Amino acid sequence: MLELSDAQIGGWVGSFLLPLFRTAALLMTMPVIGTQLVPMRVRLYLAAAIAVVLVPALPPMPAVDTLSLRTLLLIGEQVLIGALLGFVLQLFFHAFVVAGQIISMQMGLGFASMVDPTNGVSVPVLGQFYLMLVTLLFLAMNGHLVVFEVLAESFVTLPVGGGLMAAHYWEVAGKLGWVMGAGLLLSLPAITALLVVNVAFGVMTRAAPQLNIFSIGFPLTLALGLVIVWIGMADILAQYQVLASDALQLLRELVRAR
């Protein structure tokens, strides 16, 4: 009869359970996979499959007692690291959502909102369009594979039980302000063009006060806004590549990977 000691069970649990928590935390918080469109059970199965593949190639895990306080602290550490990685990716995706919302408000399309199936909230249609576009670009350019590569490297650069350096994460957190700046930069050409259009309508109203600017200006601003967005799509790939490289580099800095 096979008998297992507590030390053996603790070693097996620690070698698989701790990487599983870091992987699951990332999959629960990252875009595309960590949304409401993917059932919770599917995410858990995917996290378990990734952990099974990663465990043989990972450095040795610390031997832990499954019911000790130290094990709970190690689990909390892994969840925190995985959630931070997913949070940075969420910020990258929402830079495009912010750009779409700003342009929508400027062109008078802010009232046209729809339910975002990934988050369950109402967002302008243009913001949802940018979100779907960046999602397709992220998957087409294997961004998810790069994220999984960073996850695998994190077990070497941030080993389980190695502790977290608060100063390092405060330094990385100071770089997260690029998200709002990126959203403004993405929407700046459209905002400038729409501002010129609104100024032109203001001059027309001043020159001809009897002109009903609301019945003419609103549909024209909406139509010209759509044309401006269509023209701006020609440069969206270059903007995506710059922001994606910055976001993935920030992921590597977060886990102190080269």
Protein backbone atom coordinates (compact mmCIF):
# COMPACT_ATOMS: atom_id res chain seq x y z
CA MET A 1 0.00 0.00 0.00
CA LEU A 2 1.36 3.40 -1.01
CA GLU A 3 1.88 5.73 1.93
CA LEU A 4 2.60 9.42 1.54
CA SER A 5 4.03 11.63 4.22
CA ASP A 6 2.93 15.18 4.97
CA ALA A 7 6.22 16.48 3.57
CA GLN A 8 5.66 14.72 0.25
CA ILE A 9 2.09 15.99 -0.03
CA GLY A 10 3.21 19.50 0.87
CA GLY A 11 5.95 19.40 -1.75
CA TRP A 12 3.59 18.26 -4.47
CA VAL A 13 0.93 20.78 -3.52
CA GLY A 14 3.46 23.61 -3.30
CA SER A 15 5.07 22.77 -6.64
CA PHE A 16 1.73 22.94 -8.47
CA LEU A 17 -0.64 25.01 -6.34
CA LEU A 18 1.50 28.14 -6.03
CA PRO A 19 2.16 28.51 -9.80
CA LEU A 20 -1.53 27.78 -10.39
CA PHE A 21 -2.60 30.76 -8.26
CA ARG A 22 -0.32 33.17 -10.13
CA THR A 23 -1.50 31.87 -13.48
CA ALA A 24 -5.17 31.92 -12.49
CA ALA A 25 -4.92 35.48 -11.14
CA LEU A 26 -3.51 36.63 -14.47
CA LEU A 27 -6.21 34.87 -16.50
CA MET A 28 -8.95 36.24 -14.25
CA THR A 29 -7.86 39.87 -14.70
CA MET A 30 -6.32 40.14 -18.18
CA PRO A 31 -8.39 41.31 -21.18
CA VAL A 32 -9.91 38.90 -23.72
CA ILE A 33 -9.68 35.83 -21.45
CA GLY A 34 -10.55 37.45 -18.12
CA THR A 35 -13.87 38.91 -19.30
CA GLN A 36 -17.46 37.87 -18.70
CA LEU A 37 -17.57 36.35 -22.19
CA VAL A 38 -15.33 33.49 -21.03
CA PRO A 39 -16.99 31.33 -18.34
CA MET A 40 -15.23 31.06 -15.01
CA ARG A 41 -14.90 27.30 -15.36
CA VAL A 42 -13.16 27.63 -18.72
CA ARG A 43 -10.67 30.11 -17.23
CA LEU A 44 -9.93 27.75 -14.36
CA TYR A 45 -9.38 24.81 -16.72
CA LEU A 46 -7.10 26.95 -18.88
CA ALA A 47 -5.13 28.11 -15.83
CA ALA A 48 -4.71 24.51 -14.66
CA ALA A 49 -3.56 23.44 -18.16
CA ILE A 50 -0.99 26.25 -18.34
CA ALA A 51 0.27 25.45 -14.83
CA VAL A 52 0.70 21.78 -15.75
CA VAL A 53 2.79 22.77 -18.78
CA LEU A 54 4.88 25.31 -16.83
CA VAL A 55 5.60 23.34 -13.65
CA PRO A 56 8.25 20.94 -15.10
CA ALA A 57 10.29 23.90 -16.43
CA LEU A 58 10.06 26.07 -13.30
CA PRO A 59 12.74 26.39 -10.61
CA PRO A 60 12.19 24.36 -7.42
CA MET A 61 9.34 25.60 -5.28
CA PRO A 62 9.65 26.00 -1.51
CA ALA A 63 8.35 23.11 0.56
CA VAL A 64 5.28 24.32 2.43
CA ASP A 65 2.79 23.02 4.91
CA THR A 66 -0.56 23.12 3.16
CA LEU A 67 -2.44 24.48 6.19
CA SER A 68 0.13 26.92 7.54
CA LEU A 69 0.01 30.70 7.63
CA ARG A 70 3.11 30.91 5.44
CA THR A 71 1.29 29.04 2.68
CA LEU A 72 -1.57 31.54 2.80
CA LEU A 73 0.90 34.42 2.54
CA LEU A 74 2.62 32.78 -0.43
CA ILE A 75 -0.75 32.29 -2.13
CA GLY A 76 -1.59 35.97 -1.56
CA GLU A 77 1.78 36.94 -3.06
CA GLN A 78 1.12 34.89 -6.21
CA VAL A 79 -2.39 36.31 -6.61
CA LEU A 80 -1.03 39.84 -6.25
CA ILE A 81 1.66 39.33 -8.92
CA GLY A 82 -0.78 37.78 -11.39
CA ALA A 83 -3.39 40.48 -10.79
CA LEU A 84 -0.81 43.25 -11.33
CA LEU A 85 0.14 41.76 -14.69
CA GLY A 86 -3.50 41.60 -15.75
CA PHE A 87 -4.15 45.13 -14.50
CA VAL A 88 -1.39 46.57 -16.72
CA LEU A 89 -2.93 44.84 -19.74
CA GLN A 90 -6.35 46.21 -18.84
CA LEU A 91 -4.90 49.73 -18.77
CA PHE A 92 -3.41 49.20 -22.23
CA PHE A 93 -6.76 48.12 -23.69
CA HIS A 94 -8.69 50.91 -22.00
CA ALA A 95 -6.39 53.57 -23.48
CA PHE A 96 -8.20 52.89 -26.76
CA VAL A 97 -11.58 52.86 -25.04
CA VAL A 98 -10.85 56.30 -23.53
CA ALA A 99 -9.86 57.58 -26.99
CA GLY A 100 -13.12 56.32 -28.46
CA GLN A 101 -15.18 57.90 -25.69
CA ILE A 102 -13.45 61.28 -26.08
CA ILE A 103 -14.03 61.31 -29.84
CA SER A 104 -17.65 60.23 -29.36
CA MET A 105 -18.37 63.10 -27.00
CA GLN A 106 -16.68 65.58 -29.34
CA MET A 107 -18.61 64.51 -32.45
CA GLY A 108 -21.99 64.24 -30.73
CA LEU A 109 -22.13 60.45 -30.68
CA GLY A 110 -21.91 60.16 -26.91
CA PHE A 111 -25.64 59.42 -26.58
CA ALA A 112 -25.25 56.31 -28.77
CA SER A 113 -24.17 53.78 -26.18
CA MET A 114 -24.29 50.02 -25.97
CA VAL A 115 -23.69 47.43 -23.28
CA ASP A 116 -20.11 46.27 -23.19
CA PRO A 117 -20.41 42.46 -22.93
CA THR A 118 -16.94 42.15 -21.40
CA ASN A 119 -17.61 44.46 -18.42
CA GLY A 120 -21.40 44.70 -18.32
CA VAL A 121 -21.52 48.53 -18.45
CA SER A 122 -22.77 50.97 -21.07
CA VAL A 123 -20.08 52.60 -23.20
CA PRO A 124 -20.22 54.75 -26.37
CA VAL A 125 -20.36 52.75 -29.59
CA LEU A 126 -17.08 54.20 -30.82
CA GLY A 127 -15.29 53.16 -27.64
CA GLN A 128 -16.60 49.62 -28.08
CA PHE A 129 -15.44 49.67 -31.71
CA TYR A 130 -11.90 50.62 -30.65
CA LEU A 131 -11.96 47.90 -27.98
CA MET A 132 -12.92 45.21 -30.50
CA LEU A 133 -10.28 46.51 -32.91
CA VAL A 134 -7.45 46.43 -30.37
CA THR A 135 -8.58 42.97 -29.22
CA LEU A 136 -8.30 41.60 -32.76
CA LEU A 137 -4.90 43.26 -33.24
CA PHE A 138 -3.69 41.87 -29.91
CA LEU A 139 -4.64 38.32 -30.84
CA ALA A 140 -3.48 38.60 -34.46
CA MET A 141 -0.01 39.74 -33.37
CA ASN A 142 0.30 37.00 -30.72
CA GLY A 143 0.21 39.42 -27.83
CA HIS A 144 -1.32 36.73 -25.62
CA LEU A 145 1.70 34.48 -26.29
CA VAL A 146 4.04 37.28 -25.22
CA VAL A 147 2.04 37.64 -22.00
CA PHE A 148 2.36 33.93 -21.27
CA GLU A 149 6.12 34.18 -21.96
CA VAL A 150 6.39 37.02 -19.43
CA LEU A 151 4.40 34.90 -16.97
CA ALA A 152 6.84 32.00 -17.36
CA GLU A 153 9.83 34.34 -16.93
CA SER A 154 8.28 35.83 -13.79
CA PHE A 155 8.79 32.54 -11.92
CA VAL A 156 12.54 32.96 -12.50
CA THR A 157 12.87 36.71 -11.92
CA LEU A 158 10.26 36.77 -9.13
CA PRO A 159 10.55 33.31 -7.58
CA VAL A 160 7.87 32.02 -5.27
CA GLY A 161 8.72 33.08 -1.75
CA GLY A 162 11.24 35.66 -2.93
CA GLY A 163 9.17 38.53 -1.58
CA LEU A 164 7.97 41.71 -3.23
CA MET A 165 9.96 44.92 -3.40
CA ALA A 166 7.60 47.80 -2.66
CA ALA A 167 10.03 50.40 -4.00
CA HIS A 168 10.24 48.60 -7.34
CA TYR A 169 6.46 48.52 -7.74
CA TRP A 170 6.09 52.17 -6.75
CA GLU A 171 8.59 52.99 -9.49
CA VAL A 172 6.63 50.97 -12.03
CA ALA A 173 3.34 52.49 -10.84
CA GLY A 174 4.72 55.93 -11.60
CA LYS A 175 4.89 54.93 -15.27
CA LEU A 176 1.21 54.02 -15.51
CA GLY A 177 0.23 57.62 -16.26
CA TRP A 178 0.96 56.99 -19.93
CA VAL A 179 -2.47 55.35 -20.24
CA MET A 180 -4.49 58.55 -19.99
CA GLY A 181 -1.88 60.37 -22.05
CA ALA A 182 -2.07 57.64 -24.69
CA GLY A 183 -5.86 57.95 -24.88
CA LEU A 184 -5.57 61.71 -25.38
CA LEU A 185 -2.87 61.31 -28.04
CA LEU A 186 -4.96 58.75 -29.94
CA SER A 187 -7.95 61.10 -30.00
CA LEU A 188 -6.02 64.36 -30.52
CA PRO A 189 -6.14 64.43 -34.38
CA ALA A 190 -9.90 63.83 -34.40
CA ILE A 191 -10.48 66.37 -31.62
CA THR A 192 -8.46 69.01 -33.49
CA ALA A 193 -10.33 68.40 -36.75
CA LEU A 194 -13.72 68.52 -35.01
CA LEU A 195 -12.69 71.71 -33.22
CA VAL A 196 -12.00 73.34 -36.59
CA VAL A 197 -15.43 72.19 -37.78
CA ASN A 198 -17.15 73.66 -34.72
CA VAL A 199 -15.26 76.94 -35.11
CA ALA A 200 -16.40 77.10 -38.74
CA PHE A 201 -20.01 76.60 -37.68
CA GLY A 202 -19.57 79.32 -35.07
CA VAL A 203 -18.35 81.75 -37.73
CA MET A 204 -21.29 80.81 -39.95
CA THR A 205 -23.73 81.45 -37.12
CA ARG A 206 -22.11 84.82 -36.43
CA ALA A 207 -22.31 85.80 -40.10
CA ALA A 208 -25.88 84.59 -40.57
CA PRO A 209 -27.79 84.66 -37.24
CA GLN A 210 -30.98 83.43 -38.91
CA LEU A 211 -29.25 80.14 -39.74
CA ASN A 212 -30.48 77.31 -37.49
CA ILE A 213 -27.12 75.94 -36.49
CA PHE A 214 -28.59 73.07 -34.43
CA SER A 215 -30.51 71.53 -37.33
CA ILE A 216 -27.51 71.84 -39.69
CA GLY A 217 -24.45 71.62 -37.46
CA PHE A 218 -25.32 68.47 -35.53
CA PRO A 219 -25.75 66.07 -38.50
CA LEU A 220 -22.80 67.61 -40.30
CA THR A 221 -20.56 67.30 -37.23
CA LEU A 222 -21.63 63.68 -36.84
CA ALA A 223 -20.99 62.87 -40.51
CA LEU A 224 -17.65 64.67 -40.60
CA GLY A 225 -16.66 62.96 -37.35
CA LEU A 226 -17.25 59.54 -38.90
CA VAL A 227 -15.20 60.56 -41.94
CA ILE A 228 -12.37 61.75 -39.68
CA VAL A 229 -12.43 58.46 -37.73
CA TRP A 230 -12.36 56.53 -41.01
CA ILE A 231 -9.34 58.52 -42.21
CA GLY A 232 -7.63 58.03 -38.83
CA MET A 233 -7.93 54.24 -39.18
CA ALA A 234 -5.06 54.39 -41.70
CA ASP A 235 -2.59 55.09 -38.87
CA ILE A 236 -4.14 52.98 -36.11
CA LEU A 237 -1.73 50.07 -36.63
CA ALA A 238 1.37 52.22 -36.05
CA GLN A 239 -0.19 53.70 -32.92
CA TYR A 240 -1.13 50.26 -31.66
CA GLN A 241 2.42 48.93 -32.16
CA VAL A 242 3.93 51.78 -30.14
CA LEU A 243 1.48 51.42 -27.25
CA ALA A 244 1.66 47.61 -27.29
CA SER A 245 5.46 47.65 -27.10
CA ASP A 246 5.29 50.12 -24.18
CA ALA A 247 2.72 48.00 -22.35
CA LEU A 248 4.62 44.73 -22.82
CA GLN A 249 7.88 46.41 -21.78
CA LEU A 250 6.11 47.63 -18.65
CA LEU A 251 5.05 44.04 -17.98
CA ARG A 252 8.68 42.93 -18.15
CA GLU A 253 9.74 45.72 -15.82
CA LEU A 254 7.00 44.70 -13.42
CA VAL A 255 8.46 41.20 -13.09
CA ARG A 256 12.03 42.50 -13.40
CA ALA A 257 12.60 40.47 -16.59
CA ARG A 258 15.20 41.42 -19.20
